[in-house]
Amino acid sequence: MALKFGTDVSTAETDYGTVLLDERAGTYWELNPTGTLVVRTLMEGGDEADAVAAVTAAFDVDPDRARQDVDALVRELRASGLAA
């Protein structure tokens, strides 16, 4: 399922990943390059399987581990109210 950040979430990609600012709470989240790849894939309309494929293609990681990590990141972003 594609990912969309709320209107009060600002994002900025850096050399080290992506920074998310939750303007409601005034808190920052920092995503590493793997998290950035997952979020970018989902925001461009891909689903979790596409994100897993992108991670396994870019990094030396087992597909099962990549699936767990993608699921955990998406679950946390949604639970925090940053993404829908």
C-alpha atoms as a PDB file:
ATOM      1  CA  MET A   1       0.000   0.000   0.000  1.00  0.00           C
ATOM      2  CA  ALA A   2       1.313   3.445  -0.906  1.00  0.00           C
ATOM      3  CA  LEU A   3       2.362   5.781   1.892  1.00  0.00           C
ATOM      4  CA  LYS A   4       1.366   9.406   2.343  1.00  0.00           C
ATOM      5  CA  PHE A   5       2.610  11.779   5.031  1.00  0.00           C
ATOM      6  CA  GLY A   6       0.211  14.135   6.771  1.00  0.00           C
ATOM      7  CA  THR A   7       0.115  17.795   5.777  1.00  0.00           C
ATOM      8  CA  ASP A   8       1.892  18.762   9.002  1.00  0.00           C
ATOM      9  CA  VAL A   9       4.877  16.494   8.334  1.00  0.00           C
ATOM     10  CA  SER A  10       7.874  18.020   6.586  1.00  0.00           C
ATOM     11  CA  THR A  11      10.582  15.874   5.008  1.00  0.00           C
ATOM     12  CA  ALA A  12      14.139  16.625   3.964  1.00  0.00           C
ATOM     13  CA  GLU A  13      16.582  14.174   2.417  1.00  0.00           C
ATOM     14  CA  THR A  14      20.177  14.507   3.563  1.00  0.00           C
ATOM     15  CA  ASP A  15      23.434  12.754   2.755  1.00  0.00           C
ATOM     16  CA  TYR A  16      22.651  10.390   5.644  1.00  0.00           C
ATOM     17  CA  GLY A  17      18.987   9.580   5.028  1.00  0.00           C
ATOM     18  CA  THR A  18      15.799  11.551   5.600  1.00  0.00           C
ATOM     19  CA  VAL A  19      14.646  13.791   8.413  1.00  0.00           C
ATOM     20  CA  LEU A  20      10.942  14.010   9.201  1.00  0.00           C
ATOM     21  CA  LEU A  21       9.519  16.880  11.245  1.00  0.00           C
ATOM     22  CA  ASP A  22       6.204  16.341  12.980  1.00  0.00           C
ATOM     23  CA  GLU A  23       5.097  19.968  13.162  1.00  0.00           C
ATOM     24  CA  ARG A  24       2.219  19.138  15.534  1.00  0.00           C
ATOM     25  CA  ALA A  25       4.469  17.681  18.212  1.00  0.00           C
ATOM     26  CA  GLY A  26       7.674  19.500  17.280  1.00  0.00           C
ATOM     27  CA  THR A  27       9.591  16.227  17.093  1.00  0.00           C
ATOM     28  CA  TYR A  28      12.091  15.000  14.541  1.00  0.00           C
ATOM     29  CA  TRP A  29      12.486  11.516  13.155  1.00  0.00           C
ATOM     30  CA  GLU A  30      15.617  10.438  11.321  1.00  0.00           C
ATOM     31  CA  LEU A  31      15.540   7.642   8.747  1.00  0.00           C
ATOM     32  CA  ASN A  32      18.737   5.912   7.664  1.00  0.00           C
ATOM     33  CA  PRO A  33      19.379   5.244   3.957  1.00  0.00           C
ATOM     34  CA  THR A  34      17.415   1.994   4.116  1.00  0.00           C
ATOM     35  CA  GLY A  35      14.406   3.702   5.665  1.00  0.00           C
ATOM     36  CA  THR A  36      14.695   6.465   3.082  1.00  0.00           C
ATOM     37  CA  LEU A  37      14.584   3.914   0.273  1.00  0.00           C
ATOM     38  CA  VAL A  38      11.520   2.251   1.787  1.00  0.00           C
ATOM     39  CA  VAL A  39       9.672   5.550   2.239  1.00  0.00           C
ATOM     40  CA  ARG A  40      10.603   6.791  -1.244  1.00  0.00           C
ATOM     41  CA  THR A  41       9.388   3.547  -2.828  1.00  0.00           C
ATOM     42  CA  LEU A  42       6.074   3.691  -0.966  1.00  0.00           C
ATOM     43  CA  MET A  43       5.520   7.395  -1.612  1.00  0.00           C
ATOM     44  CA  GLU A  44       6.075   6.837  -5.325  1.00  0.00           C
ATOM     45  CA  GLY A  45       3.121   4.431  -5.314  1.00  0.00           C
ATOM     46  CA  GLY A  46       4.870   1.145  -4.623  1.00  0.00           C
ATOM     47  CA  ASP A  47       3.634  -1.341  -2.081  1.00  0.00           C
ATOM     48  CA  GLU A  48       5.491  -3.158   0.694  1.00  0.00           C
ATOM     49  CA  ALA A  49       6.598  -5.927  -1.708  1.00  0.00           C
ATOM     50  CA  ASP A  50       8.153  -3.268  -3.964  1.00  0.00           C
ATOM     51  CA  ALA A  51       9.930  -1.775  -0.957  1.00  0.00           C
ATOM     52  CA  VAL A  52      11.280  -5.196   0.060  1.00  0.00           C
ATOM     53  CA  ALA A  53      12.529  -5.754  -3.503  1.00  0.00           C
ATOM     54  CA  ALA A  54      14.201  -2.322  -3.521  1.00  0.00           C
ATOM     55  CA  VAL A  55      15.926  -2.990  -0.196  1.00  0.00           C
ATOM     56  CA  THR A  56      17.197  -6.435  -1.199  1.00  0.00           C
ATOM     57  CA  ALA A  57      18.448  -5.041  -4.522  1.00  0.00           C
ATOM     58  CA  ALA A  58      20.303  -2.159  -2.873  1.00  0.00           C
ATOM     59  CA  PHE A  59      21.609  -3.828   0.286  1.00  0.00           C
ATOM     60  CA  ASP A  60      22.963  -7.225   1.271  1.00  0.00           C
ATOM     61  CA  VAL A  61      19.954  -8.332   3.298  1.00  0.00           C
ATOM     62  CA  ASP A  62      17.825 -11.451   3.430  1.00  0.00           C
ATOM     63  CA  PRO A  63      14.319 -10.954   1.942  1.00  0.00           C
ATOM     64  CA  ASP A  64      12.638 -12.187   5.146  1.00  0.00           C
ATOM     65  CA  ARG A  65      14.602  -9.685   7.234  1.00  0.00           C
ATOM     66  CA  ALA A  66      13.850  -6.912   4.724  1.00  0.00           C
ATOM     67  CA  ARG A  67      10.121  -7.741   4.936  1.00  0.00           C
ATOM     68  CA  GLN A  68      10.213  -7.549   8.743  1.00  0.00           C
ATOM     69  CA  ASP A  69      12.021  -4.206   8.639  1.00  0.00           C
ATOM     70  CA  VAL A  70       9.683  -2.711   6.012  1.00  0.00           C
ATOM     71  CA  ASP A  71       6.619  -3.855   7.960  1.00  0.00           C
ATOM     72  CA  ALA A  72       8.013  -2.454  11.228  1.00  0.00           C
ATOM     73  CA  LEU A  73       8.845   0.940   9.694  1.00  0.00           C
ATOM     74  CA  VAL A  74       5.447   1.311   8.022  1.00  0.00           C
ATOM     75  CA  ARG A  75       3.657   0.230  11.190  1.00  0.00           C
ATOM     76  CA  GLU A  76       5.619   2.749  13.287  1.00  0.00           C
ATOM     77  CA  LEU A  77       5.082   5.640  10.860  1.00  0.00           C
ATOM     78  CA  ARG A  78       1.340   4.973  10.802  1.00  0.00           C
ATOM     79  CA  ALA A  79       1.046   4.412  14.570  1.00  0.00           C
ATOM     80  CA  SER A  80       2.835   7.709  15.225  1.00  0.00           C
ATOM     81  CA  GLY A  81       0.328   9.545  13.044  1.00  0.00           C
ATOM     82  CA  LEU A  82       3.023  10.685  10.605  1.00  0.00           C
ATOM     83  CA  ALA A  83       1.684   8.661   7.693  1.00  0.00           C
ATOM     84  CA  ALA A  84      -1.523   7.169   6.424  1.00  0.00           C
END
